[in-house]
Protein backbone atom coordinates (compact mmCIF):
# COMPACT_ATOMS: atom_id res chain seq x y z
CA UNK A 1 -0.04 -0.02 0.13
CA UNK A 2 1.37 3.41 -0.78
CA UNK A 3 2.39 5.72 2.09
CA UNK A 4 0.64 8.83 2.66
CA UNK A 5 3.22 11.10 1.06
CA UNK A 6 3.16 8.98 -2.03
CA UNK A 7 -0.74 9.42 -2.20
CA UNK A 8 -0.35 12.97 -1.72
CA UNK A 9 2.42 13.27 -4.53
CA UNK A 10 0.13 11.42 -6.79
CA UNK A 11 -2.51 14.04 -6.40
CA UNK A 12 -0.13 17.01 -6.65
CA UNK A 13 0.97 15.57 -10.17
CA UNK A 14 -2.45 14.56 -11.43
CA UNK A 15 -3.99 16.72 -14.37
CA UNK A 16 -5.82 20.04 -13.14
CA UNK A 17 -9.02 20.82 -14.95
CA UNK A 18 -8.36 24.59 -15.37
CA UNK A 19 -11.81 26.05 -16.20
CA UNK A 20 -12.42 29.67 -16.56
CA UNK A 21 -13.32 30.50 -12.90
CA UNK A 22 -10.39 28.49 -11.55
CA UNK A 23 -7.97 30.03 -14.05
CA UNK A 24 -9.26 33.63 -13.03
CA UNK A 25 -8.72 32.96 -9.31
CA UNK A 26 -5.20 31.51 -9.92
CA UNK A 27 -4.30 34.53 -11.99
CA UNK A 28 -5.66 37.06 -9.52
CA UNK A 29 -3.65 35.45 -6.88
CA UNK A 30 -0.48 35.49 -9.05
CA UNK A 31 -0.97 39.13 -10.03
CA UNK A 32 -1.43 40.04 -6.22
CA UNK A 33 1.73 38.07 -5.33
CA UNK A 34 3.77 39.79 -8.13
CA UNK A 35 2.79 43.20 -6.94
CA UNK A 36 3.53 42.16 -3.23
CA UNK A 37 6.93 41.04 -4.46
CA UNK A 38 7.76 44.23 -6.40
CA UNK A 39 6.36 46.39 -3.33
CA UNK A 40 8.74 44.58 -1.03
CA UNK A 41 11.89 44.61 -3.44
CA UNK A 42 13.61 47.60 -2.02
CA UNK A 43 13.18 46.54 1.64
CA UNK A 44 16.03 45.84 4.00
CA UNK A 45 15.23 42.00 4.26
CA UNK A 46 14.91 41.60 0.33
CA UNK A 47 18.19 43.61 -0.31
CA UNK A 48 20.11 41.51 2.39
CA UNK A 49 18.54 38.30 0.55
CA UNK A 50 19.85 39.42 -2.79
CA UNK A 51 23.17 40.38 -1.31
CA UNK A 52 23.47 36.65 0.27
CA UNK A 53 22.30 35.26 -3.17
CA UNK A 54 24.83 37.29 -4.99
CA UNK A 55 27.49 36.10 -2.59
CA UNK A 56 26.44 32.43 -3.01
CA UNK A 57 26.51 32.56 -6.74
CA UNK A 58 24.84 30.17 -8.95
CA UNK A 59 23.72 29.07 -12.41
CA UNK A 60 22.04 32.21 -13.89
CA UNK A 61 18.89 30.70 -14.87
CA UNK A 62 16.13 32.59 -13.23
CA UNK A 63 15.11 36.27 -12.70
CA UNK A 64 15.22 38.14 -9.41
CA UNK A 65 14.26 41.77 -9.64
CA UNK A 66 16.98 43.83 -8.31
CA UNK A 67 19.70 41.16 -8.72
CA UNK A 68 19.50 39.95 -12.19
CA UNK A 69 19.59 36.33 -13.06
CA UNK A 70 20.60 33.63 -10.43
CA UNK A 71 20.10 29.96 -9.53
CA UNK A 72 16.39 28.78 -9.12
CA UNK A 73 16.72 28.25 -5.39
CA UNK A 74 18.39 31.70 -4.79
CA UNK A 75 15.88 33.28 -7.10
CA UNK A 76 13.26 31.71 -4.64
CA UNK A 77 14.95 33.08 -1.59
CA UNK A 78 15.31 36.74 -3.13
CA UNK A 79 11.81 36.91 -4.63
CA UNK A 80 10.24 35.22 -1.62
CA UNK A 81 11.56 37.71 0.93
CA UNK A 82 10.52 40.50 -1.11
CA UNK A 83 7.01 39.08 -1.70
CA UNK A 84 6.56 38.48 2.21
CA UNK A 85 8.06 41.89 3.45
CA UNK A 86 5.06 44.02 3.30
CA UNK A 87 2.79 41.31 4.69
CA UNK A 88 0.34 42.26 1.95
CA UNK A 89 -0.04 38.68 0.41
CA UNK A 90 -2.82 36.42 0.52
CA UNK A 91 -4.13 34.18 3.27
CA UNK A 92 -6.47 31.52 4.57
CA UNK A 93 -7.28 30.46 8.01
CA UNK A 94 -7.56 26.72 8.89
CA UNK A 95 -6.29 25.20 11.99
CA UNK A 96 -3.28 27.40 11.07
CA UNK A 97 -3.09 30.60 9.14
CA UNK A 98 -1.40 30.02 5.72
CA UNK A 99 0.13 32.35 3.06
CA UNK A 100 0.08 29.95 0.25
CA UNK A 101 1.57 32.40 -2.24
CA UNK A 102 4.89 31.67 -0.53
CA UNK A 103 4.89 29.02 -3.26
CA UNK A 104 4.65 31.63 -6.15
CA UNK A 105 8.47 32.14 -6.30
CA UNK A 106 9.00 28.35 -6.82
CA UNK A 107 6.48 28.14 -9.54
CA UNK A 108 7.97 31.23 -11.35
CA UNK A 109 11.52 29.96 -10.89
CA UNK A 110 10.81 26.40 -12.27
CA UNK A 111 8.55 27.55 -15.07
CA UNK A 112 11.19 30.02 -16.16
CA UNK A 113 13.99 27.38 -15.89
CA UNK A 114 12.22 24.91 -17.97
CA UNK A 115 10.60 27.48 -20.59
CA UNK A 116 7.23 26.29 -19.55
CA UNK A 117 4.00 27.52 -20.72
CA UNK A 118 1.77 29.74 -18.63
CA UNK A 119 -0.93 27.22 -18.30
CA UNK A 120 1.54 24.86 -16.68
CA UNK A 121 2.38 27.48 -14.36
CA UNK A 122 -1.29 28.21 -13.32
CA UNK A 123 -1.84 24.50 -13.08
CA UNK A 124 1.14 23.95 -10.74
CA UNK A 125 -0.15 27.00 -8.59
CA UNK A 126 -3.48 25.27 -8.34
CA UNK A 127 -2.10 22.02 -7.14
CA UNK A 128 0.40 23.64 -4.86
CA UNK A 129 -2.03 25.70 -3.17
CA UNK A 130 -4.17 22.60 -2.50
CA UNK A 131 -1.27 20.80 -0.84
CA UNK A 132 -0.40 23.74 1.41
CA UNK A 133 -4.04 24.57 2.42
CA UNK A 134 -4.97 20.87 3.19
CA UNK A 135 -2.19 20.75 5.69
CA UNK A 136 -3.37 23.99 7.14
CA UNK A 137 -6.98 22.88 7.40
CA UNK A 138 -6.39 19.19 8.35
CA UNK A 139 -3.28 19.02 10.44
CA UNK A 140 -2.50 20.24 13.96
CA UNK A 141 -3.40 19.53 17.51
CA UNK A 142 -4.72 22.05 17.79
CA UNK A 143 -2.54 23.70 15.48
CA UNK A 144 1.05 24.06 14.59
CA UNK A 145 1.36 27.25 16.38
CA UNK A 146 0.25 25.90 19.61
CA UNK A 147 3.07 23.34 19.48
CA UNK A 148 5.74 25.96 18.73
CA UNK A 149 6.10 25.68 14.99
CA UNK A 150 5.34 28.39 12.46
CA UNK A 151 2.70 28.11 9.84
CA UNK A 152 5.27 28.38 7.10
CA UNK A 153 6.30 24.70 7.94
CA UNK A 154 3.24 23.68 5.95
CA UNK A 155 4.97 25.27 2.87
CA UNK A 156 7.60 22.83 2.50
CA UNK A 157 5.54 20.17 1.21
CA UNK A 158 3.70 22.48 -1.08
CA UNK A 159 7.04 23.95 -2.66
CA UNK A 160 8.37 20.42 -3.04
CA UNK A 161 5.22 19.48 -4.85
CA UNK A 162 5.12 22.62 -7.07
CA UNK A 163 8.86 22.02 -8.11
CA UNK A 164 8.30 18.25 -8.63
CA UNK A 165 5.38 18.92 -10.90
CA UNK A 166 7.30 21.61 -13.05
CA UNK A 167 10.52 19.73 -13.24
CA UNK A 168 8.77 16.69 -14.57
CA UNK A 169 9.40 14.24 -11.78
CA UNK A 170 7.36 11.14 -11.53
CA UNK A 171 5.13 10.23 -8.47
CA UNK A 172 8.05 8.33 -6.72
CA UNK A 173 10.51 11.30 -7.16
CA UNK A 174 7.80 13.62 -6.08
CA UNK A 175 7.05 11.67 -2.94
CA UNK A 176 10.91 11.72 -2.27
CA UNK A 177 10.96 15.44 -2.75
CA UNK A 178 8.06 16.06 -0.41
CA UNK A 179 9.62 13.68 2.43
CA UNK A 180 13.06 15.51 2.08
CA UNK A 181 11.15 18.84 2.52
CA UNK A 182 9.06 17.58 5.33
CA UNK A 183 12.24 16.20 7.16
CA UNK A 184 14.06 19.52 6.88
CA UNK A 185 11.61 22.45 6.37
CA UNK A 186 10.48 22.89 9.82
CA UNK A 187 10.26 26.42 11.23
CA UNK A 188 9.81 27.53 14.88
CA UNK A 189 7.08 29.90 15.82
CA UNK A 190 9.38 31.94 18.02
CA UNK A 191 10.28 33.83 14.84
CA UNK A 192 7.08 35.94 14.87
CA UNK A 193 6.88 36.27 18.70
CA UNK A 194 7.90 39.25 20.93
CA UNK A 195 9.93 42.03 19.19
CA UNK A 196 9.69 40.40 15.72
CA UNK A 197 13.02 40.28 13.83
CA UNK A 198 13.19 40.87 10.21
CA UNK A 199 13.55 37.09 9.55
CA UNK A 200 9.86 36.98 9.30
CA UNK A 201 10.28 38.23 5.56
CA UNK A 202 12.35 35.33 4.78
CA UNK A 203 10.26 32.74 6.59
CA UNK A 204 8.25 31.23 3.64
CA UNK A 205 11.14 32.15 1.31
CA UNK A 206 13.68 30.02 3.11
CA UNK A 207 10.99 27.06 3.36
CA UNK A 208 10.08 27.39 -0.30
CA UNK A 209 13.77 27.32 -1.15
CA UNK A 210 14.20 24.14 0.80
CA UNK A 211 11.26 22.63 -1.11
CA UNK A 212 12.69 23.31 -4.44
CA UNK A 213 16.21 22.03 -3.44
CA UNK A 214 14.42 18.83 -2.04
CA UNK A 215 12.88 18.35 -5.54
CA UNK A 216 16.30 18.82 -7.16
CA UNK A 217 17.71 16.27 -4.70
CA UNK A 218 15.12 13.85 -5.62
CA UNK A 219 15.66 14.39 -9.21
CA UNK A 220 19.26 13.62 -8.65
CA UNK A 221 18.47 10.38 -6.81
CA UNK A 222 18.21 11.30 -2.98
CA UNK A 223 15.53 9.43 -1.30
CA UNK A 224 13.41 10.62 1.63
CA UNK A 225 11.64 8.62 4.31
CA UNK A 226 8.40 6.98 2.78
CA UNK A 227 6.76 7.14 6.27
CA UNK A 228 7.52 10.95 6.59
CA UNK A 229 3.97 11.72 7.48
CA UNK A 230 2.48 8.65 9.41
CA UNK A 231 5.75 7.04 10.76
CA UNK A 232 6.48 6.77 14.65
CA UNK A 233 8.97 9.49 14.47
CA UNK A 234 7.30 11.40 11.29
CA UNK A 235 5.75 14.67 10.83
CA UNK A 236 2.26 14.05 12.11
CA UNK A 237 3.42 12.81 15.59
CA UNK A 238 6.58 15.17 15.78
CA UNK A 239 5.49 18.34 14.44
CA UNK A 240 1.57 18.56 13.88
CA UNK A 241 0.51 16.33 16.77
CA UNK A 242 -2.48 14.96 14.76
CA UNK A 243 -3.66 15.11 10.98
CA UNK A 244 -6.63 13.81 8.99
CA UNK A 245 -4.35 12.03 6.31
CA UNK A 246 -7.55 10.70 4.42
CA UNK A 247 -8.69 14.31 4.09
CA UNK A 248 -5.15 15.52 2.97
CA UNK A 249 -4.55 12.64 0.57
CA UNK A 250 -8.13 12.59 -1.01
CA UNK A 251 -8.33 13.13 -4.70
CA UNK A 252 -7.82 16.79 -5.77
CA UNK A 253 -10.59 18.65 -7.67
CA UNK A 254 -13.43 20.93 -7.40
CA UNK A 255 -14.07 22.69 -5.10
CA UNK A 256 -10.36 23.68 -5.00
CA UNK A 257 -9.17 25.24 -1.72
CA UNK A 258 -7.50 27.93 -3.76
CA UNK A 259 -11.11 29.37 -4.42
CA UNK A 260 -11.39 30.19 -0.71
CA UNK A 261 -8.13 32.13 -0.40
CA UNK A 262 -8.41 35.81 0.65
CA UNK A 263 -6.55 38.67 -0.77
CA UNK A 264 -5.42 41.54 1.33
CA UNK A 265 -6.28 45.02 0.39
CA UNK A 266 -3.83 46.38 3.27
CA UNK A 267 -0.31 45.65 4.25
CA UNK A 268 -0.86 44.27 7.82
CA UNK A 269 -1.62 40.86 9.64
CA UNK A 270 -4.50 39.15 8.21
CA UNK A 271 -6.72 39.11 11.17
CA UNK A 272 -6.55 42.97 11.16
CA UNK A 273 -8.25 43.35 7.62
CA UNK A 274 -11.71 43.64 9.02
CA UNK A 275 -11.00 46.02 12.01
CA UNK A 276 -8.73 48.08 9.92
CA UNK A 277 -11.37 48.57 7.18
CA UNK A 278 -13.71 49.53 10.11
CA UNK A 279 -11.47 52.17 11.35
CA UNK A 280 -10.90 53.47 7.89
CA UNK A 281 -14.68 53.75 7.48
CA UNK A 282 -15.05 55.61 10.79
CA UNK A 283 -12.55 58.01 9.63
CA UNK A 284 -14.30 58.50 6.36
CA UNK A 285 -17.39 59.29 8.34
CA UNK A 286 -15.56 62.04 10.03
CA UNK A 287 -14.38 60.48 13.20
CA UNK A 288 -10.96 62.22 14.01
CA UNK A 289 -8.62 61.02 16.66
CA UNK A 290 -8.46 64.25 18.68
CA UNK A 291 -12.29 63.63 19.34
CA UNK A 292 -12.03 60.06 20.54
CA UNK A 293 -12.06 59.04 24.28
CA UNK A 294 -11.92 55.27 23.85
CA UNK A 295 -11.40 52.76 21.24
CA UNK A 296 -12.58 48.99 21.25
CA UNK A 297 -11.50 46.77 18.58
CA UNK A 298 -13.74 43.68 18.51
CA UNK A 299 -12.40 40.31 17.23
CA UNK A 300 -13.06 36.66 17.34
CA UNK A 301 -11.25 34.60 20.01
CA UNK A 302 -8.55 33.05 17.94
CA UNK A 303 -6.85 36.31 16.94
CA UNK A 304 -6.89 37.31 20.66
CA UNK A 305 -4.65 34.50 21.47
CA UNK A 306 -2.10 35.43 18.84
CA UNK A 307 1.01 37.51 19.28
CA UNK A 308 -0.77 40.50 17.58
CA UNK A 309 -2.88 40.76 20.62
CA UNK A 310 0.01 40.48 23.08
CA UNK A 311 0.55 43.55 25.48
CA UNK A 312 3.93 44.18 24.11
CA UNK A 313 2.25 45.00 20.65
CA UNK A 314 0.46 48.15 22.29
CA UNK A 315 3.66 50.18 21.36
CA UNK A 316 5.67 48.17 18.71
CA UNK A 317 9.31 48.91 18.28
CA UNK A 318 9.75 47.45 14.89
CA UNK A 319 7.82 47.68 11.61
CA UNK A 320 7.48 43.82 11.80
CA UNK A 321 5.80 44.11 15.26
CA UNK A 322 3.68 46.98 14.15
CA UNK A 323 1.99 45.40 11.17
CA UNK A 324 1.37 42.54 13.54
CA UNK A 325 -0.30 44.79 16.13
CA UNK A 326 -4.03 45.11 16.51
CA UNK A 327 -3.64 48.23 18.56
CA UNK A 328 -1.19 50.05 16.06
CA UNK A 329 -3.10 48.98 12.72
CA UNK A 330 -6.53 50.04 13.96
CA UNK A 331 -5.13 53.24 15.36
CA UNK A 332 -3.01 54.36 12.61
CA UNK A 333 -5.98 53.78 10.25
CA UNK A 334 -8.36 55.78 12.56
CA UNK A 335 -5.77 58.53 12.83
CA UNK A 336 -4.69 58.84 9.19
CA UNK A 337 -7.49 57.33 7.20
CA UNK A 338 -4.88 54.99 5.43
CA UNK A 339 -2.97 51.75 6.20
CA UNK A 340 -0.30 51.25 3.71
CA UNK A 341 3.57 51.22 3.76
CA UNK A 342 3.90 54.87 4.81
CA UNK A 343 1.97 54.15 8.00
CA UNK A 344 4.38 51.78 9.28
CA UNK A 345 7.25 54.31 9.34
CA UNK A 346 8.29 53.93 13.05
CA UNK A 347 8.71 57.67 13.38
CA UNK A 348 4.93 57.71 13.57
CA UNK A 349 5.26 56.22 17.20
CA UNK A 350 6.44 59.85 18.30
CA UNK A 351 3.24 61.32 17.35
CA UNK A 352 1.55 62.30 20.41
CA UNK A 353 -2.06 61.78 18.86
CA UNK A 354 -1.15 58.24 18.02
CA UNK A 355 0.02 57.40 21.35
CA UNK A 356 -2.90 58.93 22.92
CA UNK A 357 -4.92 56.71 20.80
CA UNK A 358 -2.73 53.57 21.69
CA UNK A 359 -3.22 54.17 25.24
CA UNK A 360 -7.03 54.42 25.11
CA UNK A 361 -7.74 51.15 22.90
CA UNK A 362 -8.74 47.93 24.05
CA UNK A 363 -9.18 44.46 22.59
CA UNK A 364 -12.51 42.77 23.14
CA UNK A 365 -13.95 39.40 22.06
CA UNK A 366 -17.17 39.42 19.98
CA UNK A 367 -19.02 36.43 20.30
CA UNK A 368 -20.86 36.62 17.03
CA UNK A 369 -17.69 36.81 15.27
CA UNK A 370 -16.02 33.92 17.28
CA UNK A 371 -18.99 31.58 16.16
CA UNK A 372 -18.27 32.71 12.36
CA UNK A 373 -14.58 31.84 12.74
CA UNK A 374 -12.48 31.48 10.47
CA UNK A 375 -14.24 34.28 8.69
CA UNK A 376 -11.83 36.88 10.46
CA UNK A 377 -14.39 39.50 10.84
CA UNK A 378 -13.92 42.48 13.13
CA UNK A 379 -15.22 45.81 14.12
CA UNK A 380 -14.10 49.02 15.90
CA UNK A 381 -15.95 51.01 18.50
CA UNK A 382 -15.29 54.53 19.41
CA UNK A 383 -16.62 56.72 22.30
CA UNK A 384 -16.25 60.41 21.42
CA UNK A 385 -15.63 63.38 23.69
CA UNK A 386 -19.49 64.47 23.20
CA UNK A 387 -20.60 61.27 24.61
CA UNK A 388 -21.52 59.68 21.28
CA UNK A 389 -20.63 55.92 20.53
CA UNK A 390 -20.08 54.86 16.90
CA UNK A 391 -19.23 51.59 15.69
CA UNK A 392 -18.39 49.92 12.35
CA UNK A 393 -18.37 46.06 11.76
CA UNK A 394 -17.30 43.88 8.97
CA UNK A 395 -18.49 40.21 9.43
CA UNK A 396 -16.33 39.24 6.26
CA UNK A 397 -13.08 40.90 5.90
CA UNK A 398 -12.33 42.74 2.49
CA UNK A 399 -10.81 40.37 0.29
CA UNK A 400 -12.67 37.43 1.55
CA UNK A 401 -14.40 35.18 -1.12
CA UNK A 402 -17.68 36.59 0.55
CA UNK A 403 -16.56 40.18 0.26
CA UNK A 404 -14.13 39.97 -2.63
CA UNK A 405 -11.97 42.97 -3.99
CA UNK A 406 -13.21 44.15 -7.50
CA UNK A 407 -10.65 43.73 -10.33
CA UNK A 408 -10.28 47.60 -10.14
CA UNK A 409 -9.04 47.50 -6.49
CA UNK A 410 -6.78 44.63 -6.98
CA UNK A 411 -5.23 46.41 -10.07
CA UNK A 412 -5.04 49.43 -8.09
CA UNK A 413 -3.33 47.59 -5.20
CA UNK A 414 -0.73 46.14 -7.83
CA UNK A 415 0.04 49.30 -9.51
CA UNK A 416 0.71 51.09 -6.20
CA UNK A 417 3.39 48.37 -5.42
CA UNK A 418 4.78 47.83 -9.05
CA UNK A 419 4.83 51.37 -10.72
CA UNK A 420 7.60 52.85 -8.63
CA UNK A 421 9.63 49.82 -9.70
CA UNK A 422 8.68 49.19 -13.10
CA UNK A 423 7.21 52.36 -14.36
CA UNK A 424 3.48 52.61 -15.09
CA UNK A 425 3.80 51.42 -18.70
CA UNK A 426 5.78 48.16 -17.99
CA UNK A 427 3.38 47.24 -14.89
CA UNK A 428 0.41 47.64 -17.44
CA UNK A 429 2.19 45.16 -19.64
CA UNK A 430 2.70 42.66 -16.68
CA UNK A 431 -0.99 43.09 -15.82
CA UNK A 432 -2.04 42.15 -19.39
CA UNK A 433 0.46 39.18 -19.54
CA UNK A 434 -0.96 37.73 -16.29
CA UNK A 435 -4.60 37.97 -17.34
CA UNK A 436 -3.57 36.29 -20.68
CA UNK A 437 -1.48 33.80 -19.23
CA UNK A 438 -3.21 30.76 -20.52
CA UNK A 439 -2.03 31.89 -23.92
CA UNK A 440 1.66 32.24 -23.17
CA UNK A 441 3.80 29.55 -24.64
CA UNK A 442 6.94 30.42 -22.66
CA UNK A 443 6.91 31.66 -19.07
CA UNK A 444 10.30 33.36 -19.75
CA UNK A 445 8.44 35.97 -21.63
CA UNK A 446 6.34 36.84 -18.41
CA UNK A 447 9.56 36.98 -16.34
CA UNK A 448 11.17 39.31 -18.84
CA UNK A 449 8.74 41.86 -17.58
CA UNK A 450 10.30 41.58 -14.26
CA UNK A 451 13.99 41.64 -15.37
């Protein structure tokens, strides 16, 4: 009988029926990921990752904006770090949160390396998202976070599966690739606790790089433990604690989990999307910080148990801590009517108006939102100096499939990140290339627009 990882590998390599709706969602997620990558390319972590990649060298086979051409694994490291820096990339909540777009740099690198079609790239993304999200939804006791492991740990399997598919590995080789990745790509949750170091930007990137390297090792003949998932010292027992392997390895197909992925409109922790939108709505209604006596941020129970709600996040000391602070994200949105990269300049903390708001803000569980979890809704209530109490709620965060971003908003987000890097005309060409990706015969044409 095949092992669990062999069954999962077989599904990851199976044909994908890429209908119009599925292709549209995959292209939207790809476009969003490219925008996030370009938006983070000038960041300190991405600059450091490119410097490290340049020092390590490698075959110049794949494109990394800001670096030129480098090896496929190092392109994944550089591009993945840029993609994750702003914390504006897609997400889904299962037992653990997931940023499945962490696999996008793997798909781009492997498709470019092999000169594969745009359709092959999209199909690989659909399959890789499914691997990642099945683990996020069906593994963990109660979740990886609770056991001390960062959710990027799930990405190792997906990255290996994506690379195996695009490198042309057979099922046995793909299973070995996933087993190698599952053995080595385990990340500790400490990276996102306390005062967050900028390693957060490279968490998914490093794991994705490991997954691609695992596929290259398997292609060259290295084997991994067949019982990596279900073995007595395997991933389920040692890392996840428990997992529904029947659900994880069931045949892939509609409804694909990719269709449930949320796209962020703002550069902040995913669970802040709804309360940030509520704060922006209140600002648009004329609420001004100087008139606010108290702020209550209403959230489901789960986010209140995460580091974003920890007391040390009330006055964050780093950009990485600020975008993972419910206090900061809501207060800056209420104060400035915006929540973008400019709002996470730590010089903002010197603003006495912001500090006053932070001091007067509390977090509170909302029972109705807890019952609807993992919808990740949220709200903000303000008490004004004149005695009025105003509240705004979003049961479904903007960007959720039940509250989707319009193509206009999605493209505006992309251009906000991409235009300063590529120029508007080239950014427009990239948008057009993504929307027509099924017609692309060679993914190198797409990557040329990023060169």
